[in-house]
Amino acid sequence: MFLPYVGEVVAGATLVQQALGLGATLGKIALGSDNATMNWIEGLVEATNPMNTRSEWSSIDYGNTGRNTTWTIENLLGMAGDVIGQLK
């Protein structure tokens, strides 16, 4: 975000993404939770979220998705990073 001209683009894209997420949430409140368009927008926001770093599939899972299983290399390394960050 500190690079010239790149920071503005990243900040703008993040703002648009967060606004879409808020709009989808408010739309689901107003139109009902089974609205296909709002669900699609919410899925798009979740898929493009840069803070969402866990993959859908991990080869260690043996059939389970990486987000739904605690015992994957990816999740264990993420938890270790979180713990080290908290201890710091």
N, C-alpha and C. Protein backbone atom coordinates (compact mmCIF):
# COMPACT_ATOMS: atom_id res chain seq x y z
N MET A 1 0.81 -1.19 0.00
CA MET A 1 0.00 0.00 0.00
C MET A 1 0.86 1.26 0.00
N PHE A 2 2.16 1.12 0.23
CA PHE A 2 3.01 2.29 0.31
C PHE A 2 3.67 2.62 -1.03
N LEU A 3 3.46 1.81 -2.05
CA LEU A 3 4.00 2.09 -3.38
C LEU A 3 3.16 3.16 -4.05
N PRO A 4 3.81 4.08 -4.74
CA PRO A 4 3.04 5.14 -5.43
C PRO A 4 2.06 4.53 -6.44
N TYR A 5 0.88 5.05 -6.48
CA TYR A 5 -0.21 4.67 -7.39
C TYR A 5 -0.77 3.28 -7.10
N VAL A 6 -0.01 2.40 -6.49
CA VAL A 6 -0.51 1.06 -6.18
C VAL A 6 -1.37 1.12 -4.92
N GLY A 7 -0.95 1.92 -3.96
CA GLY A 7 -1.69 2.04 -2.72
C GLY A 7 -3.12 2.51 -2.93
N GLU A 8 -3.29 3.48 -3.82
CA GLU A 8 -4.63 3.98 -4.11
C GLU A 8 -5.51 2.90 -4.73
N VAL A 9 -4.93 2.11 -5.62
CA VAL A 9 -5.69 1.05 -6.28
C VAL A 9 -6.07 -0.03 -5.27
N VAL A 10 -5.13 -0.43 -4.43
CA VAL A 10 -5.40 -1.46 -3.42
C VAL A 10 -6.45 -0.95 -2.42
N ALA A 11 -6.31 0.29 -1.97
CA ALA A 11 -7.28 0.86 -1.03
C ALA A 11 -8.67 0.95 -1.68
N GLY A 12 -8.73 1.36 -2.94
CA GLY A 12 -10.01 1.45 -3.64
C GLY A 12 -10.65 0.08 -3.84
N ALA A 13 -9.83 -0.91 -4.23
CA ALA A 13 -10.36 -2.26 -4.42
C ALA A 13 -10.86 -2.85 -3.11
N THR A 14 -10.15 -2.60 -2.02
CA THR A 14 -10.57 -3.08 -0.72
C THR A 14 -11.87 -2.41 -0.29
N LEU A 15 -11.98 -1.12 -0.55
CA LEU A 15 -13.20 -0.38 -0.22
C LEU A 15 -14.40 -0.92 -1.00
N VAL A 16 -14.20 -1.18 -2.30
CA VAL A 16 -15.29 -1.73 -3.12
C VAL A 16 -15.68 -3.11 -2.63
N GLN A 17 -14.68 -3.93 -2.31
CA GLN A 17 -14.97 -5.28 -1.83
C GLN A 17 -15.76 -5.25 -0.53
N GLN A 18 -15.35 -4.42 0.41
CA GLN A 18 -16.06 -4.33 1.68
C GLN A 18 -17.47 -3.76 1.50
N ALA A 19 -17.62 -2.80 0.59
CA ALA A 19 -18.94 -2.23 0.31
C ALA A 19 -19.86 -3.28 -0.31
N LEU A 20 -19.32 -4.11 -1.20
CA LEU A 20 -20.12 -5.19 -1.79
C LEU A 20 -20.56 -6.18 -0.72
N GLY A 21 -19.66 -6.51 0.20
CA GLY A 21 -20.01 -7.43 1.28
C GLY A 21 -21.11 -6.85 2.17
N LEU A 22 -20.99 -5.57 2.50
CA LEU A 22 -22.03 -4.92 3.30
C LEU A 22 -23.34 -4.87 2.54
N GLY A 23 -23.27 -4.54 1.25
CA GLY A 23 -24.49 -4.50 0.44
C GLY A 23 -25.17 -5.85 0.33
N ALA A 24 -24.37 -6.91 0.20
CA ALA A 24 -24.94 -8.26 0.13
C ALA A 24 -25.60 -8.64 1.44
N THR A 25 -24.97 -8.29 2.55
CA THR A 25 -25.55 -8.60 3.86
C THR A 25 -26.85 -7.83 4.06
N LEU A 26 -26.85 -6.55 3.76
CA LEU A 26 -28.07 -5.75 3.90
C LEU A 26 -29.15 -6.22 2.92
N GLY A 27 -28.74 -6.60 1.71
CA GLY A 27 -29.69 -7.12 0.74
C GLY A 27 -30.33 -8.42 1.19
N LYS A 28 -29.54 -9.29 1.84
CA LYS A 28 -30.10 -10.54 2.35
C LYS A 28 -31.06 -10.28 3.51
N ILE A 29 -30.79 -9.24 4.28
CA ILE A 29 -31.72 -8.87 5.36
C ILE A 29 -33.03 -8.37 4.76
N ALA A 30 -32.94 -7.54 3.73
CA ALA A 30 -34.13 -6.94 3.15
C ALA A 30 -34.91 -7.91 2.26
N LEU A 31 -34.19 -8.73 1.48
CA LEU A 31 -34.83 -9.58 0.48
C LEU A 31 -35.00 -11.03 0.89
N GLY A 32 -34.35 -11.42 1.96
CA GLY A 32 -34.42 -12.81 2.41
C GLY A 32 -33.10 -13.51 2.17
N SER A 33 -32.80 -14.48 3.00
CA SER A 33 -31.49 -15.13 2.94
C SER A 33 -31.36 -16.09 1.76
N ASP A 34 -32.43 -16.40 1.06
CA ASP A 34 -32.35 -17.33 -0.07
C ASP A 34 -32.27 -16.61 -1.42
N ASN A 35 -31.93 -15.34 -1.41
CA ASN A 35 -31.81 -14.56 -2.65
C ASN A 35 -30.54 -14.98 -3.38
N ALA A 36 -30.67 -15.47 -4.60
CA ALA A 36 -29.54 -16.01 -5.35
C ALA A 36 -28.51 -14.94 -5.69
N THR A 37 -28.95 -13.74 -6.02
CA THR A 37 -28.02 -12.67 -6.38
C THR A 37 -27.17 -12.25 -5.19
N MET A 38 -27.80 -12.10 -4.04
CA MET A 38 -27.06 -11.70 -2.84
C MET A 38 -26.10 -12.80 -2.40
N ASN A 39 -26.53 -14.05 -2.54
CA ASN A 39 -25.63 -15.17 -2.23
C ASN A 39 -24.43 -15.19 -3.17
N TRP A 40 -24.66 -14.89 -4.45
CA TRP A 40 -23.57 -14.86 -5.42
C TRP A 40 -22.58 -13.75 -5.08
N ILE A 41 -23.10 -12.56 -4.75
CA ILE A 41 -22.23 -11.44 -4.38
C ILE A 41 -21.43 -11.77 -3.12
N GLU A 42 -22.09 -12.37 -2.15
CA GLU A 42 -21.40 -12.74 -0.91
C GLU A 42 -20.31 -13.78 -1.18
N GLY A 43 -20.58 -14.72 -2.07
CA GLY A 43 -19.56 -15.70 -2.46
C GLY A 43 -18.39 -15.05 -3.19
N LEU A 44 -18.69 -14.07 -4.03
CA LEU A 44 -17.63 -13.35 -4.75
C LEU A 44 -16.74 -12.59 -3.78
N VAL A 45 -17.35 -11.93 -2.82
CA VAL A 45 -16.58 -11.18 -1.82
C VAL A 45 -15.71 -12.13 -1.01
N GLU A 46 -16.24 -13.27 -0.62
CA GLU A 46 -15.48 -14.25 0.16
C GLU A 46 -14.33 -14.83 -0.67
N ALA A 47 -14.57 -15.07 -1.94
CA ALA A 47 -13.53 -15.65 -2.79
C ALA A 47 -12.40 -14.67 -3.08
N THR A 48 -12.69 -13.38 -3.07
CA THR A 48 -11.66 -12.38 -3.38
C THR A 48 -11.09 -11.73 -2.14
N ASN A 49 -11.43 -12.23 -0.97
CA ASN A 49 -10.92 -11.65 0.27
C ASN A 49 -9.44 -12.00 0.44
N PRO A 50 -8.56 -11.00 0.48
CA PRO A 50 -7.13 -11.31 0.61
C PRO A 50 -6.76 -11.84 1.99
N MET A 51 -7.60 -11.66 2.99
CA MET A 51 -7.31 -12.18 4.32
C MET A 51 -7.68 -13.65 4.45
N ASN A 52 -8.38 -14.18 3.47
CA ASN A 52 -8.79 -15.58 3.48
C ASN A 52 -7.68 -16.39 2.81
N THR A 53 -6.73 -16.88 3.59
CA THR A 53 -5.56 -17.52 3.02
C THR A 53 -5.61 -19.03 3.07
N ARG A 54 -6.64 -19.63 3.61
CA ARG A 54 -6.75 -21.08 3.66
C ARG A 54 -7.32 -21.59 2.34
N SER A 55 -6.71 -22.61 1.79
CA SER A 55 -7.18 -23.14 0.52
C SER A 55 -8.39 -24.05 0.72
N GLU A 56 -9.08 -24.33 -0.35
CA GLU A 56 -10.22 -25.24 -0.29
C GLU A 56 -9.76 -26.68 -0.17
N TRP A 57 -8.59 -26.99 -0.68
CA TRP A 57 -8.13 -28.37 -0.72
C TRP A 57 -6.70 -28.44 -0.21
N SER A 58 -6.41 -29.42 0.59
CA SER A 58 -5.05 -29.69 1.03
C SER A 58 -4.78 -31.17 0.79
N SER A 59 -3.61 -31.49 0.26
CA SER A 59 -3.33 -32.88 -0.09
C SER A 59 -3.21 -33.78 1.13
N ILE A 60 -3.05 -33.20 2.31
CA ILE A 60 -2.93 -33.99 3.53
C ILE A 60 -4.32 -34.38 4.08
N ASP A 61 -5.37 -33.73 3.59
CA ASP A 61 -6.71 -33.94 4.15
C ASP A 61 -7.32 -35.30 3.86
N TYR A 62 -6.94 -35.92 2.78
CA TYR A 62 -7.54 -37.19 2.37
C TYR A 62 -9.04 -37.06 2.16
N GLY A 63 -9.44 -36.02 1.44
CA GLY A 63 -10.83 -35.88 1.06
C GLY A 63 -11.59 -34.78 1.75
N ASN A 64 -11.11 -34.27 2.86
CA ASN A 64 -11.79 -33.17 3.54
C ASN A 64 -11.25 -31.86 3.02
N THR A 65 -12.05 -30.82 3.07
CA THR A 65 -11.55 -29.53 2.63
C THR A 65 -10.69 -28.91 3.71
N GLY A 66 -9.74 -28.08 3.31
CA GLY A 66 -8.79 -27.48 4.24
C GLY A 66 -9.43 -26.59 5.27
N ARG A 67 -10.55 -25.97 4.94
CA ARG A 67 -11.21 -25.06 5.89
C ARG A 67 -11.99 -25.82 6.95
N ASN A 68 -12.38 -27.05 6.65
CA ASN A 68 -13.26 -27.78 7.56
C ASN A 68 -12.51 -28.73 8.48
N THR A 69 -11.21 -28.89 8.30
CA THR A 69 -10.44 -29.85 9.07
C THR A 69 -9.33 -29.13 9.80
N THR A 70 -9.16 -29.43 11.06
CA THR A 70 -8.11 -28.79 11.85
C THR A 70 -6.75 -29.38 11.54
N TRP A 71 -6.68 -30.67 11.29
CA TRP A 71 -5.40 -31.37 11.22
C TRP A 71 -4.84 -31.41 9.80
N THR A 72 -4.52 -30.26 9.25
CA THR A 72 -3.80 -30.18 7.99
C THR A 72 -2.54 -29.37 8.23
N ILE A 73 -1.55 -29.60 7.40
CA ILE A 73 -0.30 -28.84 7.52
C ILE A 73 -0.58 -27.35 7.41
N GLU A 74 -1.41 -27.00 6.47
CA GLU A 74 -1.73 -25.60 6.22
C GLU A 74 -2.37 -24.95 7.45
N ASN A 75 -3.34 -25.62 8.04
CA ASN A 75 -4.02 -25.07 9.22
C ASN A 75 -3.12 -25.06 10.45
N LEU A 76 -2.31 -26.10 10.62
CA LEU A 76 -1.39 -26.13 11.76
C LEU A 76 -0.35 -25.03 11.67
N LEU A 77 0.19 -24.78 10.48
CA LEU A 77 1.14 -23.68 10.31
C LEU A 77 0.47 -22.34 10.54
N GLY A 78 -0.77 -22.20 10.11
CA GLY A 78 -1.50 -20.97 10.35
C GLY A 78 -1.75 -20.75 11.84
N MET A 79 -2.09 -21.82 12.55
CA MET A 79 -2.30 -21.70 13.99
C MET A 79 -0.99 -21.36 14.70
N ALA A 80 0.11 -21.99 14.26
CA ALA A 80 1.41 -21.68 14.87
C ALA A 80 1.76 -20.22 14.65
N GLY A 81 1.50 -19.70 13.46
CA GLY A 81 1.76 -18.29 13.20
C GLY A 81 0.91 -17.38 14.06
N ASP A 82 -0.35 -17.76 14.27
CA ASP A 82 -1.23 -16.98 15.14
C ASP A 82 -0.73 -16.97 16.58
N VAL A 83 -0.30 -18.14 17.05
CA VAL A 83 0.18 -18.25 18.44
C VAL A 83 1.46 -17.43 18.62
N ILE A 84 2.38 -17.54 17.67
CA ILE A 84 3.63 -16.75 17.76
C ILE A 84 3.33 -15.27 17.72
N GLY A 85 2.38 -14.87 16.87
CA GLY A 85 1.99 -13.45 16.82
C GLY A 85 1.39 -12.97 18.13
N GLN A 86 0.61 -13.82 18.78
CA GLN A 86 0.01 -13.45 20.05
C GLN A 86 1.06 -13.37 21.16
N LEU A 87 2.02 -14.30 21.14
CA LEU A 87 3.07 -14.30 22.16
C LEU A 87 4.00 -13.10 22.01
N LYS A 88 4.17 -12.66 20.79
CA LYS A 88 5.04 -11.52 20.52
C LYS A 88 4.53 -10.30 21.24
